[in-house]
Amino acid sequence: MVLALAVLVVVLILIISVQYYVYRVRSASLKQIRGDLNCIIEGGTSEKLLLFTDDRALIPLLIEINHLLDYHQLTAANFNKVEQSMRKMVSNISHDLKTPLTVVLGYLETINLDPEMDAEERKRLLAKVQDKTQEVLALIRQFFDLARLESGDKPIPLSRIHMNDICSKNMLDFYDTLTAKGFHVSIDIPDKPILAWGNEEALDRILGNLIANAIQHGGDGKTIGLVLQEDDEYVYAKVWDRGKGIGELEQDRVFERMYTLEDSRNKSYQGSGLGLTITKRLVEAQEGTIHIQSRPYAETVFTVRLKRISIPA
């Protein structure tokens, strides 16, 4: 009996010793995790927690902490990107508003300094003031629209839309401009009705932006086209031109806020850098996608993809 009790005491002592050892090892591991995690967060690094352990209770915890670190680092990177974008936006807003307003003030000063100015000259200068004022208003509307789209304050209800009619209408809206500028126009819209899931008003603006962009930046090719296609799942509206195109490195950035190509600050290519950003947001609001492919003086294509709606037989 005494021997059995002695064996039991020894076993209990061994169990307690093992548990104490495990506790000490786990405490040391947790202390290391806490220290490493504190260094990663305070240092703002992209490191991960590394700990060599056989403790099966700690392994899943380490995995989840690293997942949380990935999310935190991605969120921080996105925040920094947005912050830089907003700083650039504020800078460009100042530039884009200052230029036409300076011109307006110049015209008004000219008119005020010459009370005996010829009536026709005064009328001409006032017309220029009106044009520049309209530029400022249009720019402010673009900023406002983008802010509403990105904040979700501008709901875009989706329904069945007739793609053939919308595409034809938008090309016809630019027909006089294209003819006056000597463009060759190619329209490939099938006779068969094609239906998509979207918003007609938003799609009008998308196609209008893309066609205007093709005229502005692809005008040296003197050719512009619109193609409407479909497959089993999607509808594709493509606006293309044969201008000088967009470089491979710039293709991924043309949809960014305030990004403008090198020539877009030239007098002939003045732009706010918001048109394509708004276009992309409008496409995404319709559960669609937009992408670009460009080969200089061969073909630059903006493709809008929306969900197709089948027509009952």
Protein backbone atom coordinates (compact mmCIF):
# COMPACT_ATOMS: atom_id res chain seq x y z
CA MET A 1 0.00 0.00 0.00
CA VAL A 2 2.80 2.38 0.90
CA LEU A 3 4.60 1.46 -2.32
CA ALA A 4 1.49 2.20 -4.38
CA LEU A 5 1.09 5.56 -2.72
CA ALA A 6 4.75 6.34 -3.34
CA VAL A 7 4.38 5.46 -7.04
CA LEU A 8 1.27 7.61 -7.26
CA VAL A 9 3.07 10.55 -5.65
CA VAL A 10 5.98 10.16 -8.07
CA VAL A 11 3.59 10.05 -11.05
CA LEU A 12 1.77 13.16 -9.82
CA ILE A 13 5.08 14.94 -9.30
CA LEU A 14 6.10 14.02 -12.86
CA ILE A 15 2.77 15.25 -14.26
CA ILE A 16 3.05 18.50 -12.33
CA SER A 17 6.66 18.92 -13.51
CA VAL A 18 5.69 18.35 -17.15
CA GLN A 19 2.76 20.76 -16.86
CA TYR A 20 5.01 23.34 -15.24
CA TYR A 21 7.58 22.90 -18.02
CA VAL A 22 4.87 23.27 -20.67
CA TYR A 23 3.54 26.35 -18.88
CA ARG A 24 7.04 27.90 -18.77
CA VAL A 25 7.66 27.15 -22.46
CA ARG A 26 4.23 28.51 -23.47
CA SER A 27 4.73 31.63 -21.32
CA ALA A 28 8.10 32.23 -22.97
CA SER A 29 6.54 31.70 -26.41
CA LEU A 30 3.68 34.11 -25.65
CA LYS A 31 6.14 36.68 -24.34
CA GLN A 32 8.16 36.36 -27.56
CA ILE A 33 5.00 36.65 -29.66
CA ARG A 34 3.93 39.77 -27.78
CA GLY A 35 7.35 41.37 -28.19
CA ASP A 36 7.64 40.51 -31.89
CA LEU A 37 4.08 41.67 -32.56
CA ASN A 38 4.73 44.97 -30.78
CA CYS A 39 7.89 45.54 -32.88
CA ILE A 40 6.04 44.76 -36.14
CA ILE A 41 3.12 47.10 -35.36
CA GLU A 42 5.20 49.98 -34.01
CA GLY A 43 7.78 49.64 -36.79
CA GLY A 44 5.11 49.48 -39.50
CA THR A 45 7.00 46.65 -41.20
CA SER A 46 5.63 43.89 -43.42
CA GLU A 47 7.23 41.14 -41.35
CA LYS A 48 5.39 38.06 -40.10
CA LEU A 49 5.51 36.28 -36.76
CA LEU A 50 8.00 33.41 -36.81
CA LEU A 51 8.13 30.97 -33.88
CA PHE A 52 9.44 27.44 -33.86
CA THR A 53 7.12 25.49 -31.58
CA ASP A 54 5.51 22.09 -31.20
CA ASP A 55 2.67 23.53 -29.16
CA ARG A 56 -0.45 22.61 -31.15
CA ALA A 57 -2.47 25.26 -29.32
CA LEU A 58 -0.13 28.06 -30.43
CA ILE A 59 0.27 27.06 -34.10
CA PRO A 60 -3.31 28.00 -35.20
CA LEU A 61 -3.04 31.17 -33.10
CA LEU A 62 0.14 32.16 -34.96
CA ILE A 63 -1.52 31.48 -38.31
CA GLU A 64 -4.51 33.69 -37.47
CA ILE A 65 -2.26 36.47 -36.12
CA ASN A 66 -0.30 36.45 -39.39
CA HIS A 67 -3.57 36.63 -41.32
CA LEU A 68 -4.53 39.62 -39.20
CA LEU A 69 -1.14 41.22 -39.87
CA ASP A 70 -1.65 40.70 -43.62
CA TYR A 71 -5.02 42.44 -43.40
CA HIS A 72 -3.60 45.26 -41.29
CA GLN A 73 -0.70 45.80 -43.69
CA LEU A 74 -3.01 45.76 -46.72
CA THR A 75 -5.32 48.26 -45.04
CA ALA A 76 -2.39 50.52 -44.16
CA ALA A 77 -1.06 50.32 -47.73
CA ASN A 78 -4.48 51.17 -49.17
CA PHE A 79 -4.82 54.08 -46.74
CA ASN A 80 -1.42 55.45 -47.76
CA LYS A 81 -2.33 55.08 -51.41
CA VAL A 82 -5.63 56.92 -50.91
CA GLU A 83 -3.90 59.62 -48.87
CA GLN A 84 -1.30 60.20 -51.60
CA SER A 85 -4.05 60.20 -54.21
CA MET A 86 -6.04 62.77 -52.24
CA ARG A 87 -2.99 65.00 -51.87
CA LYS A 88 -2.41 64.81 -55.60
CA MET A 89 -6.08 65.48 -56.20
CA VAL A 90 -6.04 68.60 -54.02
CA SER A 91 -2.92 69.81 -55.85
CA ASN A 92 -4.44 69.20 -59.27
CA ILE A 93 -7.77 70.71 -58.25
CA SER A 94 -5.92 73.87 -57.29
CA HIS A 95 -4.11 73.87 -60.63
CA ASP A 96 -7.16 73.06 -62.76
CA LEU A 97 -9.36 75.64 -61.04
CA LYS A 98 -6.70 78.33 -60.84
CA THR A 99 -5.95 78.33 -64.57
CA PRO A 100 -9.44 79.13 -65.94
CA LEU A 101 -10.23 81.45 -63.03
CA THR A 102 -7.04 83.41 -63.71
CA VAL A 103 -8.10 83.74 -67.35
CA VAL A 104 -11.58 84.90 -66.28
CA LEU A 105 -10.11 87.53 -63.97
CA GLY A 106 -7.82 88.67 -66.78
CA TYR A 107 -10.71 89.16 -69.19
CA LEU A 108 -12.79 90.99 -66.58
CA GLU A 109 -9.86 93.23 -65.69
CA THR A 110 -9.40 94.07 -69.37
CA ILE A 111 -13.08 94.98 -69.67
CA ASN A 112 -13.03 97.11 -66.49
CA LEU A 113 -9.88 98.99 -67.52
CA ASP A 114 -11.35 99.99 -70.85
CA PRO A 115 -14.84 101.46 -70.34
CA GLU A 116 -14.84 102.71 -73.94
CA MET A 117 -14.16 99.26 -75.37
CA ASP A 118 -15.88 98.44 -78.65
CA ALA A 119 -19.19 96.62 -78.08
CA GLU A 120 -18.19 93.68 -80.29
CA GLU A 121 -14.87 93.26 -78.46
CA ARG A 122 -16.64 93.44 -75.10
CA LYS A 123 -19.11 90.81 -76.30
CA ARG A 124 -16.26 88.56 -77.48
CA LEU A 125 -14.45 88.80 -74.14
CA LEU A 126 -17.64 88.15 -72.17
CA ALA A 127 -18.26 85.06 -74.28
CA LYS A 128 -14.77 83.82 -73.35
CA VAL A 129 -15.54 84.53 -69.68
CA GLN A 130 -18.70 82.45 -69.98
CA ASP A 131 -16.82 79.57 -71.65
CA LYS A 132 -14.15 79.51 -68.94
CA THR A 133 -16.80 79.67 -66.22
CA GLN A 134 -18.52 76.66 -67.78
CA GLU A 135 -15.17 74.83 -67.69
CA VAL A 136 -14.88 75.49 -63.97
CA LEU A 137 -18.45 74.33 -63.32
CA ALA A 138 -17.91 71.16 -65.35
CA LEU A 139 -14.73 70.41 -63.41
CA ILE A 140 -16.46 70.95 -60.06
CA ARG A 141 -19.27 68.63 -61.16
CA GLN A 142 -16.70 65.95 -61.98
CA PHE A 143 -15.13 66.22 -58.53
CA PHE A 144 -18.57 66.10 -56.94
CA ASP A 145 -19.69 63.10 -59.01
CA LEU A 146 -16.53 61.13 -58.19
CA ALA A 147 -16.89 61.90 -54.47
CA ARG A 148 -20.51 60.70 -54.52
CA LEU A 149 -19.63 57.53 -56.42
CA GLU A 150 -16.81 56.61 -54.09
CA SER A 151 -18.82 57.36 -50.95
CA GLY A 152 -21.81 55.36 -52.17
CA ASP A 153 -24.12 58.39 -51.93
CA LYS A 154 -25.14 58.10 -55.58
CA PRO A 155 -27.30 54.98 -56.00
CA ILE A 156 -27.32 53.46 -59.48
CA PRO A 157 -30.40 51.25 -59.92
CA LEU A 158 -29.85 48.34 -62.31
CA SER A 159 -32.35 46.93 -64.78
CA ARG A 160 -32.55 45.38 -68.24
CA ILE A 161 -31.09 47.73 -70.87
CA HIS A 162 -31.06 47.50 -74.67
CA MET A 163 -27.39 47.74 -75.64
CA ASN A 164 -27.96 48.17 -79.40
CA ASP A 165 -29.97 51.36 -78.98
CA ILE A 166 -27.65 52.88 -76.37
CA CYS A 167 -24.49 52.22 -78.41
CA SER A 168 -26.04 53.59 -81.62
CA LYS A 169 -27.36 56.68 -79.85
CA ASN A 170 -24.00 57.57 -78.32
CA MET A 171 -22.13 57.27 -81.61
CA LEU A 172 -24.77 59.42 -83.32
CA ASP A 173 -24.36 62.07 -80.59
CA PHE A 174 -20.75 62.52 -81.73
CA TYR A 175 -21.38 62.14 -85.45
CA ASP A 176 -21.26 65.85 -86.30
CA THR A 177 -18.05 66.33 -84.28
CA LEU A 178 -16.41 63.30 -85.89
CA THR A 179 -17.44 64.41 -89.39
CA ALA A 180 -16.18 67.96 -88.81
CA LYS A 181 -12.81 66.62 -87.63
CA GLY A 182 -12.50 64.29 -90.63
CA PHE A 183 -12.72 60.99 -88.73
CA HIS A 184 -13.48 57.68 -90.37
CA VAL A 185 -16.17 56.04 -88.23
CA SER A 186 -16.66 52.27 -87.93
CA ILE A 187 -19.77 50.93 -86.17
CA ASP A 188 -20.26 47.20 -85.65
CA ILE A 189 -23.59 46.72 -83.88
CA PRO A 190 -25.51 43.52 -84.66
CA ASP A 191 -29.15 43.60 -85.74
CA LYS A 192 -29.99 40.96 -83.14
CA PRO A 193 -31.15 42.63 -79.87
CA ILE A 194 -28.57 42.40 -77.10
CA LEU A 195 -29.70 42.96 -73.52
CA ALA A 196 -27.52 43.60 -70.47
CA TRP A 197 -27.89 44.20 -66.74
CA GLY A 198 -27.06 47.85 -66.12
CA ASN A 199 -28.18 51.45 -65.94
CA GLU A 200 -28.94 53.40 -69.12
CA GLU A 201 -27.97 56.82 -67.78
CA ALA A 202 -24.66 55.51 -66.41
CA LEU A 203 -23.89 53.65 -69.64
CA ASP A 204 -24.59 56.81 -71.66
CA ARG A 205 -21.98 58.64 -69.61
CA ILE A 206 -19.50 55.75 -69.86
CA LEU A 207 -19.71 55.56 -73.64
CA GLY A 208 -19.71 59.34 -73.95
CA ASN A 209 -16.51 59.55 -71.87
CA LEU A 210 -14.81 56.78 -73.87
CA ILE A 211 -15.75 58.25 -77.25
CA ALA A 212 -14.66 61.75 -76.17
CA ASN A 213 -11.41 60.27 -74.85
CA ALA A 214 -10.79 58.50 -78.16
CA ILE A 215 -11.37 61.74 -80.08
CA GLN A 216 -9.12 63.73 -77.73
CA HIS A 217 -6.20 61.34 -77.33
CA GLY A 218 -6.52 59.17 -80.45
CA GLY A 219 -7.42 61.92 -82.89
CA ASP A 220 -4.16 61.70 -84.83
CA GLY A 221 -5.28 58.29 -86.15
CA LYS A 222 -8.44 59.86 -87.64
CA THR A 223 -10.32 56.59 -87.09
CA ILE A 224 -12.72 55.65 -84.32
CA GLY A 225 -15.01 52.68 -83.89
CA LEU A 226 -17.54 51.03 -81.62
CA VAL A 227 -18.15 47.28 -81.46
CA LEU A 228 -20.96 45.49 -79.61
CA GLN A 229 -20.52 41.77 -78.92
CA GLU A 230 -21.86 39.07 -76.60
CA ASP A 231 -21.13 35.56 -75.41
CA ASP A 232 -23.06 33.17 -73.16
CA GLU A 233 -22.46 35.26 -70.01
CA TYR A 234 -21.45 38.79 -70.90
CA VAL A 235 -21.99 41.74 -73.22
CA TYR A 236 -18.97 43.68 -74.50
CA ALA A 237 -19.02 47.30 -75.69
CA LYS A 238 -15.68 48.29 -77.22
CA VAL A 239 -14.59 51.81 -78.16
CA TRP A 240 -11.40 51.88 -80.23
CA ASP A 241 -9.18 54.27 -82.14
CA ARG A 242 -5.95 54.14 -84.14
CA GLY A 243 -4.11 56.97 -82.45
CA LYS A 244 -0.71 56.97 -80.79
CA GLY A 245 -2.00 54.75 -78.01
CA ILE A 246 -1.09 54.39 -74.36
CA GLY A 247 2.19 52.94 -73.14
CA GLU A 248 2.19 49.57 -71.39
CA LEU A 249 3.26 51.07 -68.07
CA GLU A 250 0.53 53.71 -68.25
CA GLN A 251 -2.27 51.29 -69.13
CA ASP A 252 -2.60 50.16 -65.52
CA ARG A 253 -2.78 53.76 -64.28
CA VAL A 254 -5.19 55.52 -66.65
CA PHE A 255 -8.14 54.78 -64.35
CA GLU A 256 -6.44 56.27 -61.26
CA ARG A 257 -7.71 59.52 -59.76
CA MET A 258 -6.10 62.58 -61.33
CA TYR A 259 -3.71 60.50 -63.48
CA THR A 260 -3.09 62.16 -66.82
CA LEU A 261 -0.87 61.19 -69.70
CA GLU A 262 2.15 63.35 -70.40
CA ASP A 263 0.41 65.20 -73.20
CA SER A 264 -2.78 65.77 -71.20
CA ARG A 265 -1.40 68.96 -69.65
CA ASN A 266 -0.67 70.39 -73.07
CA LYS A 267 -3.10 73.00 -74.29
CA SER A 268 -4.58 70.68 -76.90
CA TYR A 269 -5.15 67.90 -74.39
CA GLN A 270 -6.30 69.74 -71.29
CA GLY A 271 -8.12 67.39 -68.93
CA SER A 272 -8.84 66.91 -65.26
CA GLY A 273 -7.71 63.30 -65.09
CA LEU A 274 -11.10 62.30 -63.65
CA GLY A 275 -13.02 61.19 -66.74
CA LEU A 276 -11.72 57.62 -66.87
CA THR A 277 -11.82 57.28 -63.07
CA ILE A 278 -15.51 58.18 -63.08
CA THR A 279 -16.00 55.83 -66.03
CA LYS A 280 -14.49 52.91 -64.11
CA ARG A 281 -16.55 53.64 -60.98
CA LEU A 282 -19.73 53.75 -63.07
CA VAL A 283 -18.88 50.41 -64.72
CA GLU A 284 -18.15 48.80 -61.35
CA ALA A 285 -21.42 50.17 -59.96
CA GLN A 286 -23.15 48.11 -62.68
CA GLU A 287 -21.28 44.97 -61.58
CA GLY A 288 -19.14 45.19 -64.69
CA THR A 289 -15.47 45.55 -65.60
CA ILE A 290 -13.43 47.75 -67.92
CA HIS A 291 -9.97 47.19 -69.32
CA ILE A 292 -7.69 48.61 -71.99
CA GLN A 293 -5.46 47.16 -74.70
CA SER A 294 -3.26 49.42 -76.78
CA ARG A 295 -0.91 49.11 -79.74
CA PRO A 296 0.33 52.51 -80.97
CA TYR A 297 -1.18 53.55 -84.31
CA ALA A 298 -2.75 50.11 -84.66
CA GLU A 299 -5.57 49.92 -82.13
CA THR A 300 -6.35 51.22 -78.65
CA VAL A 301 -9.46 49.54 -77.23
CA PHE A 302 -11.46 50.23 -74.08
CA THR A 303 -13.71 47.24 -73.38
CA VAL A 304 -16.71 47.49 -71.05
CA ARG A 305 -18.10 44.13 -69.92
CA LEU A 306 -21.59 43.82 -68.41
CA LYS A 307 -23.72 40.83 -67.46
CA ARG A 308 -25.78 39.52 -70.34
CA ILE A 309 -29.53 38.94 -70.10
CA SER A 310 -30.87 36.11 -72.22
CA ILE A 311 -33.76 36.82 -74.55
CA PRO A 312 -36.49 34.15 -74.36
CA ALA A 313 -36.81 32.21 -77.59
